[in-house]
Protein backbone atom coordinates (compact mmCIF):
# COMPACT_ATOMS: atom_id res chain seq x y z
CA UNK A 1 0.00 0.00 0.00
CA UNK A 2 2.92 2.37 0.58
CA UNK A 3 3.55 2.78 -3.15
CA UNK A 4 -0.18 3.27 -3.76
CA UNK A 5 -0.21 6.06 -1.16
CA UNK A 6 2.82 7.64 -2.82
CA UNK A 7 1.10 7.48 -6.22
CA UNK A 8 -2.01 9.10 -4.74
CA UNK A 9 0.15 11.84 -3.19
CA UNK A 10 1.75 12.51 -6.56
CA UNK A 11 -1.59 12.61 -8.40
CA UNK A 12 -3.12 14.94 -5.80
CA UNK A 13 -0.11 17.25 -6.03
CA UNK A 14 -0.33 17.34 -9.83
CA UNK A 15 -4.04 18.16 -9.66
CA UNK A 16 -3.43 20.88 -7.08
CA UNK A 17 -0.57 22.43 -9.03
CA UNK A 18 -2.59 22.33 -12.25
CA UNK A 19 -5.47 24.10 -10.49
CA UNK A 20 -3.04 26.60 -8.92
CA UNK A 21 -2.34 28.10 -12.34
CA UNK A 22 -6.05 28.83 -12.74
CA UNK A 23 -6.51 30.50 -9.33
CA UNK A 24 -5.11 33.81 -10.63
CA UNK A 25 -3.56 34.62 -7.28
CA UNK A 26 -6.34 32.84 -5.35
CA UNK A 27 -8.90 35.27 -6.77
CA UNK A 28 -10.96 32.47 -8.42
CA UNK A 29 -12.93 30.42 -5.88
CA UNK A 30 -13.26 26.98 -7.50
CA UNK A 31 -9.62 26.57 -8.60
CA UNK A 32 -8.52 27.92 -5.20
CA UNK A 33 -10.63 25.36 -3.35
CA UNK A 34 -9.34 22.56 -5.61
CA UNK A 35 -5.77 23.69 -4.97
CA UNK A 36 -6.14 23.67 -1.19
CA UNK A 37 -7.94 20.31 -1.16
CA UNK A 38 -5.41 18.81 -3.58
CA UNK A 39 -2.39 19.90 -1.55
CA UNK A 40 -4.09 18.71 1.64
CA UNK A 41 -4.72 15.30 0.08
CA UNK A 42 -1.16 15.18 -1.27
CA UNK A 43 0.31 15.81 2.17
CA UNK A 44 -2.08 13.34 3.79
CA UNK A 45 -1.10 10.55 1.41
CA UNK A 46 2.57 11.48 1.66
CA UNK A 47 2.30 11.18 5.46
CA UNK A 48 0.88 7.65 5.04
CA UNK A 49 3.77 6.82 2.74
CA UNK A 50 6.28 7.91 5.37
CA UNK A 51 5.17 5.07 7.64
CA UNK A 52 7.21 2.64 5.56
CA UNK A 53 9.32 4.52 3.00
CA UNK A 54 12.22 6.63 4.30
CA UNK A 55 11.45 10.35 4.24
CA UNK A 56 14.24 11.38 1.87
CA UNK A 57 13.43 8.64 -0.62
CA UNK A 58 9.67 9.27 -0.54
CA UNK A 59 10.15 13.01 -0.97
CA UNK A 60 12.67 12.58 -3.77
CA UNK A 61 10.29 10.32 -5.69
CA UNK A 62 7.25 12.51 -4.91
CA UNK A 63 8.92 15.71 -6.03
CA UNK A 64 10.81 14.16 -8.96
CA UNK A 65 7.82 12.41 -10.50
CA UNK A 66 5.69 15.48 -9.72
CA UNK A 67 8.13 17.76 -11.57
CA UNK A 68 8.15 15.50 -14.61
CA UNK A 69 4.38 15.08 -14.76
CA UNK A 70 3.52 18.73 -14.06
CA UNK A 71 5.96 19.70 -16.81
CA UNK A 72 4.04 17.40 -19.15
CA UNK A 73 0.73 18.95 -18.03
CA UNK A 74 2.13 22.44 -18.67
CA UNK A 75 3.30 21.38 -22.10
CA UNK A 76 0.08 19.59 -23.09
CA UNK A 77 -2.63 21.65 -21.36
CA UNK A 78 -1.10 25.12 -21.26
CA UNK A 79 1.08 25.00 -24.40
CA UNK A 80 4.20 25.81 -22.38
CA UNK A 81 7.37 25.21 -24.35
CA UNK A 82 10.15 22.89 -23.22
CA UNK A 83 13.52 23.62 -24.80
CA UNK A 84 16.41 21.17 -25.05
CA UNK A 85 17.96 22.06 -21.65
CA UNK A 86 14.55 21.64 -19.97
CA UNK A 87 14.06 18.23 -21.57
CA UNK A 88 17.61 17.25 -20.57
CA UNK A 89 17.00 18.31 -16.97
CA UNK A 90 13.69 16.46 -16.83
CA UNK A 91 15.42 13.38 -18.25
CA UNK A 92 18.02 13.56 -15.48
CA UNK A 93 15.24 13.74 -12.89
CA UNK A 94 13.67 10.61 -14.39
CA UNK A 95 17.06 8.87 -14.27
CA UNK A 96 17.45 9.88 -10.62
CA UNK A 97 14.09 8.42 -9.65
CA UNK A 98 14.94 5.19 -11.49
CA UNK A 99 18.32 4.94 -9.75
CA UNK A 100 16.64 5.44 -6.36
CA UNK A 101 14.11 2.70 -7.04
CA UNK A 102 16.30 0.16 -8.78
CA UNK A 103 19.71 0.46 -7.14
CA UNK A 104 19.25 2.07 -3.71
CA UNK A 105 19.04 -0.16 -0.67
CA UNK A 106 17.36 2.74 1.17
CA UNK A 107 13.99 2.22 -0.51
CA UNK A 108 11.38 -0.11 0.92
CA UNK A 109 10.57 -2.68 -1.78
């Protein structure tokens, strides 16, 4: 269940961050409410994850996967451009998450 909770934390964070763009400085009610609920859910599920996965590993995966996926949302939904250095950096983040999961003895498998 720990990896399920981490996946839920990531999805909630992506939803909240996507809604955050639409809040226009928290002046729009619905996107603002979605943002607050999404970040609350993300932190709740992340806290459940921390029962079994070490804090540094869980946070690295949560933030790394979140960065990659929110970059994809920005590119697809908001037509934000990703240049070659951005794609290279995102690729390095993906590699880092893979290294943590495949080679690190610090993760809880």
